[in-house]
Amino acid sequence: MLKRLFYEEDGQGMVEYGLIIALIAVAVIVALGALGGGIKGIFEDVNAKLGEETTP
């Protein structure tokens, strides 16, 4: 029974997909962290320009 447990590959595909998804999640988190300040600055600039145009 122990020998069969080592040679079964039924769950191996799911583990691989889980690792790929985890790697993608880490990459997205790192990218958003790196770009977060720049994106925030863009939105602040747009907000400031919209505020200037609506002020009489």
C-alpha atoms as a PDB file:
ATOM      1  CA  MET A   1       0.000   0.000   0.000  1.00  0.00           C
ATOM      2  CA  LEU A   2       2.837   2.422   0.814  1.00  0.00           C
ATOM      3  CA  LYS A   3       4.502   1.645  -2.519  1.00  0.00           C
ATOM      4  CA  ARG A   4       1.266   2.406  -4.373  1.00  0.00           C
ATOM      5  CA  LEU A   5       0.977   5.731  -2.518  1.00  0.00           C
ATOM      6  CA  PHE A   6       4.349   6.889  -3.876  1.00  0.00           C
ATOM      7  CA  TYR A   7       3.548   5.955  -7.478  1.00  0.00           C
ATOM      8  CA  GLU A   8       0.027   7.409  -7.751  1.00  0.00           C
ATOM      9  CA  GLU A   9      -0.062  10.616  -9.755  1.00  0.00           C
ATOM     10  CA  ASP A  10      -3.712  11.596  -9.345  1.00  0.00           C
ATOM     11  CA  GLY A  11      -3.095  14.625  -7.113  1.00  0.00           C
ATOM     12  CA  GLN A  12       0.125  15.699  -8.763  1.00  0.00           C
ATOM     13  CA  GLY A  13      -1.615  17.804 -11.435  1.00  0.00           C
ATOM     14  CA  MET A  14      -3.659  19.694  -8.856  1.00  0.00           C
ATOM     15  CA  VAL A  15      -0.549  20.473  -6.816  1.00  0.00           C
ATOM     16  CA  GLU A  16       1.189  21.818  -9.911  1.00  0.00           C
ATOM     17  CA  TYR A  17      -1.795  24.040 -10.759  1.00  0.00           C
ATOM     18  CA  GLY A  18      -1.866  25.275  -7.175  1.00  0.00           C
ATOM     19  CA  LEU A  19       1.816  26.198  -7.312  1.00  0.00           C
ATOM     20  CA  ILE A  20       1.347  28.033 -10.617  1.00  0.00           C
ATOM     21  CA  ILE A  21      -1.596  30.008  -9.221  1.00  0.00           C
ATOM     22  CA  ALA A  22       0.398  30.871  -6.102  1.00  0.00           C
ATOM     23  CA  LEU A  23       3.319  32.095  -8.238  1.00  0.00           C
ATOM     24  CA  ILE A  24       1.009  34.259 -10.340  1.00  0.00           C
ATOM     25  CA  ALA A  25      -0.573  35.716  -7.189  1.00  0.00           C
ATOM     26  CA  VAL A  26       2.840  36.627  -5.786  1.00  0.00           C
ATOM     27  CA  ALA A  27       3.831  38.254  -9.087  1.00  0.00           C
ATOM     28  CA  VAL A  28       0.625  40.327  -9.150  1.00  0.00           C
ATOM     29  CA  ILE A  29       1.108  41.444  -5.551  1.00  0.00           C
ATOM     30  CA  VAL A  30       4.712  42.492  -6.247  1.00  0.00           C
ATOM     31  CA  ALA A  31       3.707  44.339  -9.434  1.00  0.00           C
ATOM     32  CA  LEU A  32       0.897  46.222  -7.693  1.00  0.00           C
ATOM     33  CA  GLY A  33       3.194  47.110  -4.831  1.00  0.00           C
ATOM     34  CA  ALA A  34       5.818  48.464  -7.211  1.00  0.00           C
ATOM     35  CA  LEU A  35       3.334  50.420  -9.324  1.00  0.00           C
ATOM     36  CA  GLY A  36       1.067  51.521  -6.482  1.00  0.00           C
ATOM     37  CA  GLY A  37       2.727  54.885  -5.904  1.00  0.00           C
ATOM     38  CA  GLY A  38       2.767  55.763  -9.578  1.00  0.00           C
ATOM     39  CA  ILE A  39      -0.866  54.858 -10.072  1.00  0.00           C
ATOM     40  CA  LYS A  40      -1.851  56.824  -6.978  1.00  0.00           C
ATOM     41  CA  GLY A  41      -0.003  59.867  -8.343  1.00  0.00           C
ATOM     42  CA  ILE A  42      -1.816  59.647 -11.661  1.00  0.00           C
ATOM     43  CA  PHE A  43      -5.211  59.531  -9.986  1.00  0.00           C
ATOM     44  CA  GLU A  44      -4.297  62.453  -7.717  1.00  0.00           C
ATOM     45  CA  ASP A  45      -3.247  64.524 -10.742  1.00  0.00           C
ATOM     46  CA  VAL A  46      -6.497  63.752 -12.554  1.00  0.00           C
ATOM     47  CA  ASN A  47      -8.500  64.559  -9.436  1.00  0.00           C
ATOM     48  CA  ALA A  48      -6.673  67.877  -9.012  1.00  0.00           C
ATOM     49  CA  LYS A  49      -7.271  68.842 -12.657  1.00  0.00           C
ATOM     50  CA  LEU A  50     -10.950  67.969 -12.392  1.00  0.00           C
ATOM     51  CA  GLY A  51     -11.209  70.021  -9.230  1.00  0.00           C
ATOM     52  CA  GLU A  52      -9.605  73.024 -10.950  1.00  0.00           C
ATOM     53  CA  GLU A  53     -12.067  72.948 -13.836  1.00  0.00           C
ATOM     54  CA  THR A  54     -15.143  72.760 -11.622  1.00  0.00           C
ATOM     55  CA  THR A  55     -13.989  75.605  -9.371  1.00  0.00           C
ATOM     56  CA  PRO A  56     -15.441  78.923 -10.632  1.00  0.00           C
END
